[in-house]
C-alpha atoms as a PDB file:
ATOM      1  CA  UNK A   1     -11.898 -12.140 -42.500  1.00  0.00           C
ATOM      2  CA  UNK A   2      -8.500 -10.498 -42.392  1.00  0.00           C
ATOM      3  CA  UNK A   3      -6.261 -10.800 -39.326  1.00  0.00           C
ATOM      4  CA  UNK A   4      -6.439  -7.085 -38.453  1.00  0.00           C
ATOM      5  CA  UNK A   5     -10.228  -7.179 -38.702  1.00  0.00           C
ATOM      6  CA  UNK A   6     -10.406 -10.184 -36.397  1.00  0.00           C
ATOM      7  CA  UNK A   7      -8.171  -8.462 -33.831  1.00  0.00           C
ATOM      8  CA  UNK A   8     -10.475  -5.412 -33.858  1.00  0.00           C
ATOM      9  CA  UNK A   9     -13.687  -7.446 -33.502  1.00  0.00           C
ATOM     10  CA  UNK A  10     -15.952  -6.688 -30.506  1.00  0.00           C
ATOM     11  CA  UNK A  11     -19.092  -8.492 -29.327  1.00  0.00           C
ATOM     12  CA  UNK A  12     -21.346  -5.623 -30.416  1.00  0.00           C
ATOM     13  CA  UNK A  13     -20.428  -6.419 -34.028  1.00  0.00           C
ATOM     14  CA  UNK A  14     -21.536 -10.078 -33.702  1.00  0.00           C
ATOM     15  CA  UNK A  15     -25.253 -10.588 -34.425  1.00  0.00           C
ATOM     16  CA  UNK A  16     -26.089 -14.099 -33.243  1.00  0.00           C
ATOM     17  CA  UNK A  17     -29.794 -13.689 -34.075  1.00  0.00           C
ATOM     18  CA  UNK A  18     -29.041 -13.145 -37.770  1.00  0.00           C
ATOM     19  CA  UNK A  19     -25.805 -15.178 -37.734  1.00  0.00           C
ATOM     20  CA  UNK A  20     -23.669 -12.347 -39.114  1.00  0.00           C
ATOM     21  CA  UNK A  21     -20.558 -10.379 -38.211  1.00  0.00           C
ATOM     22  CA  UNK A  22     -20.243  -6.740 -39.236  1.00  0.00           C
ATOM     23  CA  UNK A  23     -16.701  -5.726 -40.125  1.00  0.00           C
ATOM     24  CA  UNK A  24     -15.989  -1.999 -39.758  1.00  0.00           C
ATOM     25  CA  UNK A  25     -12.620  -1.665 -37.988  1.00  0.00           C
ATOM     26  CA  UNK A  26      -9.139  -3.128 -38.175  1.00  0.00           C
ATOM     27  CA  UNK A  27      -5.877  -3.159 -36.281  1.00  0.00           C
ATOM     28  CA  UNK A  28      -2.983  -1.834 -38.353  1.00  0.00           C
ATOM     29  CA  UNK A  29       0.756  -1.599 -37.823  1.00  0.00           C
ATOM     30  CA  UNK A  30       2.268   1.852 -37.466  1.00  0.00           C
ATOM     31  CA  UNK A  31       4.482   3.004 -40.319  1.00  0.00           C
ATOM     32  CA  UNK A  32       7.497   3.166 -38.009  1.00  0.00           C
ATOM     33  CA  UNK A  33       8.240   0.737 -35.207  1.00  0.00           C
ATOM     34  CA  UNK A  34       6.138  -2.152 -33.999  1.00  0.00           C
ATOM     35  CA  UNK A  35       3.162  -0.273 -32.521  1.00  0.00           C
ATOM     36  CA  UNK A  36      -0.350  -1.173 -33.616  1.00  0.00           C
ATOM     37  CA  UNK A  37      -3.495   0.929 -33.479  1.00  0.00           C
ATOM     38  CA  UNK A  38      -7.220   0.636 -34.176  1.00  0.00           C
ATOM     39  CA  UNK A  39      -8.454   2.176 -37.413  1.00  0.00           C
ATOM     40  CA  UNK A  40     -12.034   2.739 -38.569  1.00  0.00           C
ATOM     41  CA  UNK A  41     -12.926   1.073 -41.855  1.00  0.00           C
ATOM     42  CA  UNK A  42     -11.701  -2.040 -43.598  1.00  0.00           C
ATOM     43  CA  UNK A  43      -8.874  -2.382 -46.105  1.00  0.00           C
ATOM     44  CA  UNK A  44     -11.086  -0.951 -48.848  1.00  0.00           C
ATOM     45  CA  UNK A  45     -12.878   1.375 -46.341  1.00  0.00           C
ATOM     46  CA  UNK A  46     -16.279  -0.308 -46.809  1.00  0.00           C
ATOM     47  CA  UNK A  47     -18.240  -1.904 -43.968  1.00  0.00           C
ATOM     48  CA  UNK A  48     -19.274  -5.459 -44.776  1.00  0.00           C
ATOM     49  CA  UNK A  49     -21.171  -8.366 -43.249  1.00  0.00           C
ATOM     50  CA  UNK A  50     -20.131 -11.983 -43.285  1.00  0.00           C
ATOM     51  CA  UNK A  51     -22.195 -15.041 -42.413  1.00  0.00           C
ATOM     52  CA  UNK A  52     -21.447 -17.118 -39.309  1.00  0.00           C
ATOM     53  CA  UNK A  53     -21.236 -20.882 -39.797  1.00  0.00           C
ATOM     54  CA  UNK A  54     -23.315 -23.160 -37.578  1.00  0.00           C
ATOM     55  CA  UNK A  55     -20.172 -24.298 -35.708  1.00  0.00           C
ATOM     56  CA  UNK A  56     -19.058 -20.723 -35.069  1.00  0.00           C
ATOM     57  CA  UNK A  57     -22.614 -19.810 -34.011  1.00  0.00           C
ATOM     58  CA  UNK A  58     -22.681 -22.593 -31.395  1.00  0.00           C
ATOM     59  CA  UNK A  59     -19.209 -21.742 -30.120  1.00  0.00           C
ATOM     60  CA  UNK A  60     -19.927 -17.996 -29.942  1.00  0.00           C
ATOM     61  CA  UNK A  61     -23.245 -18.591 -28.179  1.00  0.00           C
ATOM     62  CA  UNK A  62     -21.545 -20.775 -25.576  1.00  0.00           C
ATOM     63  CA  UNK A  63     -18.783 -18.229 -25.004  1.00  0.00           C
ATOM     64  CA  UNK A  64     -21.300 -15.425 -24.603  1.00  0.00           C
ATOM     65  CA  UNK A  65     -23.378 -17.490 -22.134  1.00  0.00           C
ATOM     66  CA  UNK A  66     -20.237 -18.361 -20.162  1.00  0.00           C
ATOM     67  CA  UNK A  67     -19.157 -14.705 -20.037  1.00  0.00           C
ATOM     68  CA  UNK A  68     -22.583 -13.685 -18.679  1.00  0.00           C
ATOM     69  CA  UNK A  69     -22.453 -16.466 -16.087  1.00  0.00           C
ATOM     70  CA  UNK A  70     -18.895 -15.542 -15.059  1.00  0.00           C
ATOM     71  CA  UNK A  71     -19.832 -11.879 -14.742  1.00  0.00           C
ATOM     72  CA  UNK A  72     -22.792 -12.828 -12.553  1.00  0.00           C
ATOM     73  CA  UNK A  73     -20.593 -15.061 -10.365  1.00  0.00           C
ATOM     74  CA  UNK A  74     -17.998 -12.305  -9.976  1.00  0.00           C
ATOM     75  CA  UNK A  75     -20.623  -9.743  -8.986  1.00  0.00           C
ATOM     76  CA  UNK A  76     -21.937 -12.109  -6.279  1.00  0.00           C
ATOM     77  CA  UNK A  77     -18.482 -12.515  -4.743  1.00  0.00           C
ATOM     78  CA  UNK A  78     -18.151 -10.846  -1.343  1.00  0.00           C
ATOM     79  CA  UNK A  79     -15.044  -8.721  -1.126  1.00  0.00           C
ATOM     80  CA  UNK A  80     -13.451  -8.087   2.272  1.00  0.00           C
END
C-alpha cells in the first residue's frame, strides 16, 4: 500500500469479514506549494483489493470495537 493511499483510507473501505482493504483513493501533493488533496483512483487509476494479515485483522477489530465503545460512552455523557 502506498503512503498516499494509506492516508486516504477510511473505515468503509476495510472489510473485516473478508479480511480485505479496497484501495480507490489517494492523497496527492499539489503541483505548487505544500498543499495536499484527496484524489479518486490509485496511481494507475485502478481500484484494487489487498488482503489483511491476521495481526492487522486483530488490531483493526480491536480499534473498531474501541471506537464504538468510546462513541457510546460519549453519547451517554450528560452535558450541562
